[in-house]
């Protein structure tokens, strides 16, 4: 099962295409035809909704610190860390023109569950050693200048 991370905003966010040859952070517009994406749109309550992915294609790579004992090659660890830094930079840029970017993080297939966690975060929180997206989290990123 994979972690899904969706972003919601009041204005369009830039797309970052997936590149199989150079795996990394990417952002795609969601499929508007129904199913899980429709439920996610309703949960986020924003005009624009996107799927954010890591070097693992899904959101699992954002959780690379979750199990430090997990045997990984150094290059894979560094790729996942770079993915999180790119996500932080992406949010920093978006929050220069928007008051917030909402996000919904859940295990694939569990989008219908009521959100279990709500937080306000700043983009730099992604880089904290103990940062993890929480299962069933419906939260928001705010500009770094905002006090939490």
Protein backbone atom coordinates (compact mmCIF):
# COMPACT_ATOMS: atom_id res chain seq x y z
CA UNK A 1 0.00 0.00 0.00
CA UNK A 2 1.29 3.44 -0.93
CA UNK A 3 0.98 6.85 0.66
CA UNK A 4 -1.03 9.30 -1.45
CA UNK A 5 -0.38 13.03 -1.03
CA UNK A 6 -2.74 15.51 -2.64
CA UNK A 7 -2.36 19.29 -2.70
CA UNK A 8 -5.15 21.84 -2.87
CA UNK A 9 -4.86 25.54 -3.67
CA UNK A 10 -7.03 28.54 -4.46
CA UNK A 11 -5.00 29.29 -7.61
CA UNK A 12 -3.21 27.07 -10.11
CA UNK A 13 0.06 25.45 -9.03
CA UNK A 14 2.79 24.59 -11.53
CA UNK A 15 2.96 21.04 -12.79
CA UNK A 16 6.21 19.11 -12.40
CA UNK A 17 6.15 16.10 -14.74
CA UNK A 18 7.25 12.63 -13.70
CA UNK A 19 10.47 11.55 -15.39
CA UNK A 20 11.29 7.86 -15.12
CA UNK A 21 14.92 8.52 -16.11
CA UNK A 22 15.39 11.20 -13.43
CA UNK A 23 13.06 10.17 -10.62
CA UNK A 24 12.16 12.92 -8.21
CA UNK A 25 9.48 15.23 -6.91
CA UNK A 26 6.56 15.67 -9.28
CA UNK A 27 3.09 17.24 -9.33
CA UNK A 28 0.25 16.14 -11.61
CA UNK A 29 -3.28 17.41 -12.02
CA UNK A 30 -5.86 14.90 -10.78
CA UNK A 31 -8.34 12.96 -12.89
CA UNK A 32 -11.62 14.84 -12.55
CA UNK A 33 -13.89 11.99 -13.66
CA UNK A 34 -14.79 10.65 -10.23
CA UNK A 35 -13.79 8.01 -7.73
CA UNK A 36 -11.04 8.72 -5.25
CA UNK A 37 -9.98 11.97 -6.94
CA UNK A 38 -13.50 13.38 -6.61
CA UNK A 39 -13.57 12.54 -2.90
CA UNK A 40 -10.14 14.13 -2.43
CA UNK A 41 -11.33 17.30 -4.19
CA UNK A 42 -14.32 17.48 -1.87
CA UNK A 43 -12.14 16.94 1.21
CA UNK A 44 -9.64 19.65 0.23
CA UNK A 45 -12.38 22.10 -0.75
CA UNK A 46 -10.16 24.04 -3.14
CA UNK A 47 -10.54 25.04 -6.77
CA UNK A 48 -7.29 23.33 -7.82
CA UNK A 49 -6.20 19.85 -6.73
CA UNK A 50 -3.02 17.96 -7.58
CA UNK A 51 -1.27 14.72 -6.78
CA UNK A 52 2.27 15.16 -5.38
CA UNK A 53 4.72 12.31 -5.69
CA UNK A 54 8.23 11.45 -4.64
CA UNK A 55 11.09 9.57 -6.26
CA UNK A 56 9.06 6.40 -5.54
CA UNK A 57 6.33 7.85 -7.82
CA UNK A 58 3.85 7.72 -4.90
CA UNK A 59 4.23 9.59 -1.61
CA UNK A 60 6.16 6.84 0.17
CA UNK A 61 9.51 8.49 -0.57
CA UNK A 62 8.45 11.52 1.47
CA UNK A 63 8.46 9.20 4.50
CA UNK A 64 12.08 8.13 4.02
CA UNK A 65 12.93 8.86 7.65
CA UNK A 66 10.14 6.63 8.96
CA UNK A 67 12.29 3.56 9.46
CA UNK A 68 15.97 4.51 9.78
CA UNK A 69 16.93 0.85 10.09
CA UNK A 70 15.47 0.08 6.69
CA UNK A 71 18.34 -1.12 4.54
CA UNK A 72 18.78 1.37 1.71
CA UNK A 73 21.59 2.16 -0.57
CA UNK A 74 23.08 5.57 0.16
CA UNK A 75 22.13 6.81 -3.32
CA UNK A 76 18.45 5.94 -2.76
CA UNK A 77 18.42 7.71 0.61
CA UNK A 78 19.98 10.81 -0.94
CA UNK A 79 17.46 10.74 -3.81
CA UNK A 80 14.55 10.63 -1.37
CA UNK A 81 16.08 13.42 0.71
CA UNK A 82 16.48 15.54 -2.45
CA UNK A 83 12.83 14.83 -3.30
CA UNK A 84 11.73 16.23 0.06
CA UNK A 85 13.94 19.31 -0.44
CA UNK A 86 12.37 19.87 -3.87
CA UNK A 87 8.91 19.58 -2.27
CA UNK A 88 9.91 22.20 0.31
CA UNK A 89 11.18 24.54 -2.43
CA UNK A 90 7.98 24.02 -4.43
CA UNK A 91 5.84 24.94 -1.42
CA UNK A 92 8.03 27.96 -0.60
CA UNK A 93 7.48 29.29 -4.11
CA UNK A 94 3.72 28.64 -4.02
CA UNK A 95 3.34 30.28 -0.62
CA UNK A 96 4.95 33.50 -1.86
CA UNK A 97 1.67 34.13 -3.70
CA UNK A 98 -0.88 32.06 -1.75
CA UNK A 99 -1.92 32.20 1.92
CA UNK A 100 -1.93 28.38 2.19
CA UNK A 101 -1.59 25.11 0.35
CA UNK A 102 -3.78 22.39 1.77
CA UNK A 103 -2.85 18.74 1.67
CA UNK A 104 -4.52 15.40 2.26
CA UNK A 105 -2.28 12.40 2.95
CA UNK A 106 -3.66 8.88 3.27
CA UNK A 107 -2.91 5.27 2.41
CA UNK A 108 -4.21 4.41 -1.06
CA UNK A 109 -7.71 3.02 -0.81
CA UNK A 110 -8.46 4.81 2.47
CA UNK A 111 -9.49 8.24 1.17
CA UNK A 112 -13.05 7.71 2.37
CA UNK A 113 -12.03 7.60 6.04
CA UNK A 114 -12.59 10.76 8.05
CA UNK A 115 -9.37 12.77 8.40
CA UNK A 116 -7.71 11.90 11.70
CA UNK A 117 -5.22 14.77 11.95
CA UNK A 118 -5.19 18.50 11.24
CA UNK A 119 -2.01 20.60 11.48
CA UNK A 120 -0.59 23.87 10.26
CA UNK A 121 2.93 23.43 8.95
CA UNK A 122 5.57 25.53 7.25
CA UNK A 123 7.50 24.16 4.26
CA UNK A 124 10.71 23.81 6.29
CA UNK A 125 8.93 21.37 8.60
CA UNK A 126 9.35 18.78 5.84
CA UNK A 127 13.09 18.80 6.60
CA UNK A 128 12.77 18.06 10.32
CA UNK A 129 14.31 14.73 11.32
CA UNK A 130 11.03 13.62 12.90
CA UNK A 131 8.67 14.84 10.16
CA UNK A 132 6.20 12.35 8.73
CA UNK A 133 2.90 12.74 6.97
CA UNK A 134 0.28 11.27 9.28
CA UNK A 135 -2.15 8.68 8.01
CA UNK A 136 -5.45 10.38 7.22
CA UNK A 137 -4.06 13.89 7.56
CA UNK A 138 -5.98 16.86 6.19
CA UNK A 139 -3.72 19.83 6.92
CA UNK A 140 -2.19 22.96 5.46
CA UNK A 141 1.15 24.50 4.69
CA UNK A 142 1.46 28.21 5.42
CA UNK A 143 4.25 30.66 4.58
CA UNK A 144 7.43 30.43 6.66
CA UNK A 145 6.75 33.92 8.00
CA UNK A 146 3.54 32.78 9.74
CA UNK A 147 3.82 31.94 13.44
CA UNK A 148 2.41 28.58 14.37
